[in-house]
């Protein structure tokens, strides 16, 4: 991702989530997410917002935390969540590469 701002649909596609889920998380985590609004009122997300959404996604979907639990975790020790997200992303990339190799055999 190399743009300055991303639309909510681009963010949803990148994370594999629905637009309504991204909107819900944005409203639920105002301390972590700060998308700007266009003149029409559309949200525009930065790369930092997308990383925050990845952390939220990891904590809620992978770790099974409630929204309150995820917010507490991010407030207390966001660096721990960052590391876990990076590891999960790396493992997913490796898995995708292995699937691709298997398909070529």
N, C-alpha and C. Protein backbone atom coordinates (compact mmCIF):
# COMPACT_ATOMS: atom_id res chain seq x y z
N UNK A 1 0.84 -1.17 0.00
CA UNK A 1 0.00 0.00 0.00
C UNK A 1 0.89 1.24 0.00
N UNK A 2 0.69 2.06 -1.01
CA UNK A 2 1.58 3.19 -1.12
C UNK A 2 0.86 4.50 -1.41
N UNK A 3 -0.40 4.57 -1.11
CA UNK A 3 -1.15 5.81 -1.26
C UNK A 3 -1.17 6.56 0.07
N UNK A 4 -1.55 7.83 0.00
CA UNK A 4 -1.65 8.63 1.21
C UNK A 4 -2.94 8.32 1.97
N UNK A 5 -4.05 8.16 1.24
CA UNK A 5 -5.34 7.88 1.85
C UNK A 5 -6.03 6.75 1.09
N UNK A 6 -6.79 5.95 1.84
CA UNK A 6 -7.51 4.81 1.29
C UNK A 6 -8.99 4.93 1.63
N UNK A 7 -9.83 4.52 0.69
CA UNK A 7 -11.27 4.54 0.95
C UNK A 7 -11.62 3.37 1.86
N UNK A 8 -12.80 3.43 2.43
CA UNK A 8 -13.24 2.36 3.33
C UNK A 8 -13.37 1.04 2.58
N UNK A 9 -13.74 1.08 1.30
CA UNK A 9 -13.85 -0.16 0.54
C UNK A 9 -12.47 -0.77 0.27
N UNK A 10 -11.46 0.07 0.04
CA UNK A 10 -10.10 -0.44 -0.15
C UNK A 10 -9.58 -1.07 1.14
N UNK A 11 -9.87 -0.44 2.27
CA UNK A 11 -9.44 -0.97 3.56
C UNK A 11 -10.14 -2.30 3.84
N UNK A 12 -11.44 -2.34 3.60
CA UNK A 12 -12.20 -3.56 3.84
C UNK A 12 -11.67 -4.71 2.99
N UNK A 13 -11.36 -4.43 1.74
CA UNK A 13 -10.83 -5.47 0.85
C UNK A 13 -9.45 -5.93 1.31
N UNK A 14 -8.60 -4.99 1.71
CA UNK A 14 -7.25 -5.35 2.16
C UNK A 14 -7.29 -6.23 3.41
N UNK A 15 -8.25 -5.98 4.29
CA UNK A 15 -8.34 -6.75 5.54
C UNK A 15 -9.24 -7.97 5.43
N UNK A 16 -9.99 -8.08 4.33
CA UNK A 16 -10.90 -9.20 4.18
C UNK A 16 -12.11 -9.10 5.08
N UNK A 17 -12.51 -7.89 5.38
CA UNK A 17 -13.67 -7.63 6.24
C UNK A 17 -14.73 -6.86 5.45
N UNK A 18 -15.92 -6.79 5.99
CA UNK A 18 -16.98 -6.02 5.34
C UNK A 18 -16.81 -4.53 5.65
N UNK A 19 -17.38 -3.71 4.81
CA UNK A 19 -17.34 -2.26 5.03
C UNK A 19 -18.03 -1.91 6.33
N UNK A 20 -19.13 -2.58 6.63
CA UNK A 20 -19.84 -2.28 7.88
C UNK A 20 -19.00 -2.63 9.10
N UNK A 21 -18.18 -3.67 9.00
CA UNK A 21 -17.30 -4.05 10.10
C UNK A 21 -16.23 -2.98 10.32
N UNK A 22 -15.65 -2.49 9.24
CA UNK A 22 -14.64 -1.43 9.33
C UNK A 22 -15.27 -0.17 9.94
N UNK A 23 -16.46 0.16 9.51
CA UNK A 23 -17.17 1.33 10.03
C UNK A 23 -17.44 1.15 11.53
N UNK A 24 -17.88 -0.05 11.91
CA UNK A 24 -18.17 -0.35 13.32
C UNK A 24 -16.91 -0.23 14.17
N UNK A 25 -15.81 -0.82 13.70
CA UNK A 25 -14.55 -0.73 14.45
C UNK A 25 -14.08 0.71 14.55
N UNK A 26 -14.25 1.47 13.48
CA UNK A 26 -13.84 2.88 13.50
C UNK A 26 -14.61 3.64 14.58
N UNK A 27 -15.89 3.38 14.68
CA UNK A 27 -16.71 4.04 15.70
C UNK A 27 -16.40 3.52 17.10
N UNK A 28 -15.98 2.26 17.21
CA UNK A 28 -15.74 1.65 18.51
C UNK A 28 -14.35 1.96 19.08
N UNK A 29 -13.42 2.38 18.24
CA UNK A 29 -12.04 2.64 18.67
C UNK A 29 -11.61 4.06 18.28
N UNK A 30 -12.26 5.07 18.84
CA UNK A 30 -11.93 6.45 18.45
C UNK A 30 -10.54 6.90 18.88
N UNK A 31 -9.96 6.26 19.90
CA UNK A 31 -8.61 6.64 20.34
C UNK A 31 -7.54 6.12 19.38
N UNK A 32 -7.80 4.99 18.74
CA UNK A 32 -6.81 4.37 17.87
C UNK A 32 -6.98 4.75 16.40
N UNK A 33 -8.20 5.07 15.98
CA UNK A 33 -8.48 5.32 14.57
C UNK A 33 -8.93 6.76 14.36
N UNK A 34 -8.31 7.40 13.39
CA UNK A 34 -8.62 8.80 13.11
C UNK A 34 -8.74 9.05 11.60
N UNK A 35 -9.68 8.39 10.93
CA UNK A 35 -9.80 8.66 9.50
C UNK A 35 -10.32 10.08 9.27
N UNK A 36 -9.83 10.69 8.22
CA UNK A 36 -10.34 12.03 7.91
C UNK A 36 -11.59 11.87 7.06
N UNK A 37 -12.35 12.92 6.95
CA UNK A 37 -13.58 12.91 6.17
C UNK A 37 -13.44 13.81 4.95
N UNK A 38 -13.99 13.35 3.84
CA UNK A 38 -14.02 14.18 2.64
C UNK A 38 -15.17 15.17 2.78
N UNK A 39 -15.31 16.05 1.82
CA UNK A 39 -16.40 17.02 1.84
C UNK A 39 -17.75 16.31 1.81
N UNK A 40 -17.80 15.13 1.19
CA UNK A 40 -19.03 14.35 1.13
C UNK A 40 -19.28 13.55 2.41
N UNK A 41 -18.29 13.52 3.29
CA UNK A 41 -18.43 12.78 4.54
C UNK A 41 -17.87 11.37 4.50
N UNK A 42 -17.21 10.98 3.40
CA UNK A 42 -16.62 9.66 3.30
C UNK A 42 -15.34 9.58 4.11
N UNK A 43 -15.12 8.44 4.74
CA UNK A 43 -13.91 8.24 5.53
C UNK A 43 -12.73 7.96 4.61
N UNK A 44 -11.57 8.51 4.97
CA UNK A 44 -10.33 8.21 4.27
C UNK A 44 -9.30 7.80 5.32
N UNK A 45 -8.73 6.62 5.13
CA UNK A 45 -7.82 6.03 6.10
C UNK A 45 -6.37 6.16 5.66
N UNK A 46 -5.48 6.39 6.63
CA UNK A 46 -4.05 6.42 6.37
C UNK A 46 -3.49 5.02 6.58
N UNK A 47 -2.22 4.85 6.23
CA UNK A 47 -1.55 3.57 6.46
C UNK A 47 -1.51 3.25 7.95
N UNK A 48 -1.37 4.28 8.79
CA UNK A 48 -1.36 4.07 10.24
C UNK A 48 -2.73 3.57 10.72
N UNK A 49 -3.80 4.12 10.15
CA UNK A 49 -5.14 3.65 10.50
C UNK A 49 -5.31 2.18 10.11
N UNK A 50 -4.78 1.81 8.96
CA UNK A 50 -4.91 0.42 8.50
C UNK A 50 -4.14 -0.51 9.43
N UNK A 51 -2.97 -0.10 9.88
CA UNK A 51 -2.22 -0.93 10.83
C UNK A 51 -2.98 -1.06 12.15
N UNK A 52 -3.60 0.02 12.60
CA UNK A 52 -4.40 -0.06 13.82
C UNK A 52 -5.57 -1.02 13.62
N UNK A 53 -6.19 -0.98 12.45
CA UNK A 53 -7.29 -1.90 12.15
C UNK A 53 -6.80 -3.35 12.11
N UNK A 54 -5.59 -3.57 11.61
CA UNK A 54 -5.02 -4.92 11.62
C UNK A 54 -4.84 -5.43 13.05
N UNK A 55 -4.37 -4.54 13.93
CA UNK A 55 -4.22 -4.93 15.34
C UNK A 55 -5.57 -5.26 15.96
N UNK A 56 -6.56 -4.44 15.66
CA UNK A 56 -7.91 -4.68 16.18
C UNK A 56 -8.44 -5.99 15.64
N UNK A 57 -8.27 -6.22 14.35
CA UNK A 57 -8.74 -7.46 13.74
C UNK A 57 -8.07 -8.67 14.40
N UNK A 58 -6.77 -8.60 14.63
CA UNK A 58 -6.06 -9.70 15.26
C UNK A 58 -6.60 -9.97 16.66
N UNK A 59 -6.75 -8.92 17.44
CA UNK A 59 -7.21 -9.09 18.82
C UNK A 59 -8.64 -9.61 18.90
N UNK A 60 -9.50 -9.12 18.03
CA UNK A 60 -10.91 -9.51 18.07
C UNK A 60 -11.13 -10.87 17.42
N UNK A 61 -10.59 -11.06 16.24
CA UNK A 61 -10.85 -12.29 15.48
C UNK A 61 -9.94 -13.45 15.89
N UNK A 62 -8.64 -13.20 16.05
CA UNK A 62 -7.71 -14.29 16.35
C UNK A 62 -7.62 -14.60 17.84
N UNK A 63 -7.58 -13.55 18.65
CA UNK A 63 -7.44 -13.75 20.08
C UNK A 63 -8.79 -13.91 20.78
N UNK A 64 -9.88 -13.56 20.09
CA UNK A 64 -11.21 -13.73 20.66
C UNK A 64 -11.56 -12.73 21.75
N UNK A 65 -10.89 -11.58 21.75
CA UNK A 65 -11.19 -10.57 22.76
C UNK A 65 -12.47 -9.82 22.41
N UNK A 66 -13.12 -9.31 23.42
CA UNK A 66 -14.26 -8.42 23.20
C UNK A 66 -13.70 -7.08 22.75
N UNK A 67 -14.58 -6.20 22.29
CA UNK A 67 -14.13 -4.87 21.89
C UNK A 67 -13.50 -4.13 23.07
N UNK A 68 -14.10 -4.28 24.24
CA UNK A 68 -13.55 -3.64 25.43
C UNK A 68 -12.18 -4.22 25.77
N UNK A 69 -12.05 -5.53 25.66
CA UNK A 69 -10.78 -6.18 25.93
C UNK A 69 -9.70 -5.77 24.94
N UNK A 70 -10.09 -5.65 23.68
CA UNK A 70 -9.14 -5.23 22.65
C UNK A 70 -8.69 -3.79 22.89
N UNK A 71 -9.63 -2.93 23.26
CA UNK A 71 -9.28 -1.53 23.54
C UNK A 71 -8.33 -1.45 24.74
N UNK A 72 -8.59 -2.22 25.76
CA UNK A 72 -7.73 -2.24 26.94
C UNK A 72 -6.34 -2.73 26.56
N UNK A 73 -6.27 -3.79 25.77
CA UNK A 73 -4.99 -4.35 25.34
C UNK A 73 -4.20 -3.32 24.52
N UNK A 74 -4.87 -2.62 23.63
CA UNK A 74 -4.20 -1.62 22.80
C UNK A 74 -3.73 -0.43 23.63
N UNK A 75 -4.52 -0.06 24.61
CA UNK A 75 -4.16 1.07 25.47
C UNK A 75 -2.98 0.74 26.37
N UNK A 76 -2.95 -0.49 26.89
CA UNK A 76 -1.90 -0.88 27.83
C UNK A 76 -0.59 -1.21 27.14
N UNK A 77 -0.66 -2.06 26.11
CA UNK A 77 0.59 -2.51 25.48
C UNK A 77 0.36 -2.77 24.00
N UNK A 78 0.31 -1.70 23.24
CA UNK A 78 0.09 -1.82 21.80
C UNK A 78 1.24 -2.48 21.07
N UNK A 79 2.47 -2.38 21.60
CA UNK A 79 3.62 -2.97 20.92
C UNK A 79 3.54 -4.49 20.90
N UNK A 80 2.97 -5.07 21.94
CA UNK A 80 2.80 -6.52 21.99
C UNK A 80 1.84 -6.97 20.88
N UNK A 81 0.76 -6.22 20.71
CA UNK A 81 -0.19 -6.53 19.65
C UNK A 81 0.45 -6.34 18.28
N UNK A 82 1.30 -5.31 18.13
CA UNK A 82 2.00 -5.07 16.87
C UNK A 82 2.84 -6.28 16.47
N UNK A 83 3.58 -6.80 17.41
CA UNK A 83 4.43 -7.96 17.14
C UNK A 83 3.60 -9.17 16.73
N UNK A 84 2.51 -9.39 17.44
CA UNK A 84 1.66 -10.54 17.14
C UNK A 84 1.05 -10.41 15.74
N UNK A 85 0.64 -9.21 15.36
CA UNK A 85 0.06 -8.99 14.04
C UNK A 85 1.11 -9.24 12.96
N UNK A 86 2.33 -8.76 13.18
CA UNK A 86 3.39 -8.97 12.20
C UNK A 86 3.70 -10.45 12.03
N UNK A 87 3.72 -11.19 13.13
CA UNK A 87 3.97 -12.63 13.06
C UNK A 87 2.84 -13.31 12.29
N UNK A 88 1.60 -12.95 12.59
CA UNK A 88 0.45 -13.55 11.90
C UNK A 88 0.48 -13.23 10.42
N UNK A 89 0.83 -11.99 10.06
CA UNK A 89 0.92 -11.62 8.65
C UNK A 89 2.03 -12.40 7.95
N UNK A 90 3.16 -12.57 8.61
CA UNK A 90 4.27 -13.33 8.03
C UNK A 90 3.88 -14.79 7.81
N UNK A 91 3.21 -15.36 8.79
CA UNK A 91 2.77 -16.75 8.65
C UNK A 91 1.76 -16.90 7.52
N UNK A 92 0.88 -15.94 7.38
CA UNK A 92 -0.10 -15.98 6.29
C UNK A 92 0.60 -15.89 4.93
N UNK A 93 1.61 -15.04 4.83
CA UNK A 93 2.36 -14.90 3.58
C UNK A 93 3.10 -16.20 3.25
N UNK A 94 3.68 -16.82 4.26
CA UNK A 94 4.36 -18.10 4.04
C UNK A 94 3.38 -19.16 3.59
N UNK A 95 2.22 -19.19 4.23
CA UNK A 95 1.19 -20.16 3.85
C UNK A 95 0.75 -19.95 2.41
N UNK A 96 0.55 -18.70 2.02
CA UNK A 96 0.16 -18.40 0.65
C UNK A 96 1.23 -18.86 -0.35
N UNK A 97 2.50 -18.66 0.02
CA UNK A 97 3.58 -19.11 -0.85
C UNK A 97 3.61 -20.63 -0.97
N UNK A 98 3.39 -21.31 0.14
CA UNK A 98 3.37 -22.77 0.11
C UNK A 98 2.22 -23.31 -0.72
N UNK A 99 1.07 -22.68 -0.61
CA UNK A 99 -0.08 -23.08 -1.43
C UNK A 99 0.23 -22.87 -2.90
N UNK A 100 0.86 -21.77 -3.22
CA UNK A 100 1.22 -21.48 -4.61
C UNK A 100 2.21 -22.51 -5.14
N UNK A 101 3.19 -22.88 -4.31
CA UNK A 101 4.17 -23.89 -4.72
C UNK A 101 3.48 -25.23 -4.93
N UNK A 102 2.58 -25.60 -4.03
CA UNK A 102 1.86 -26.87 -4.15
C UNK A 102 1.06 -26.91 -5.44
N UNK A 103 0.46 -25.81 -5.81
CA UNK A 103 -0.34 -25.76 -7.03
C UNK A 103 0.49 -25.90 -8.29
N UNK A 104 1.77 -25.49 -8.22
CA UNK A 104 2.64 -25.59 -9.41
C UNK A 104 3.23 -26.99 -9.57
N UNK A 105 3.15 -27.80 -8.52
CA UNK A 105 3.71 -29.17 -8.61
C UNK A 105 2.80 -30.08 -9.37
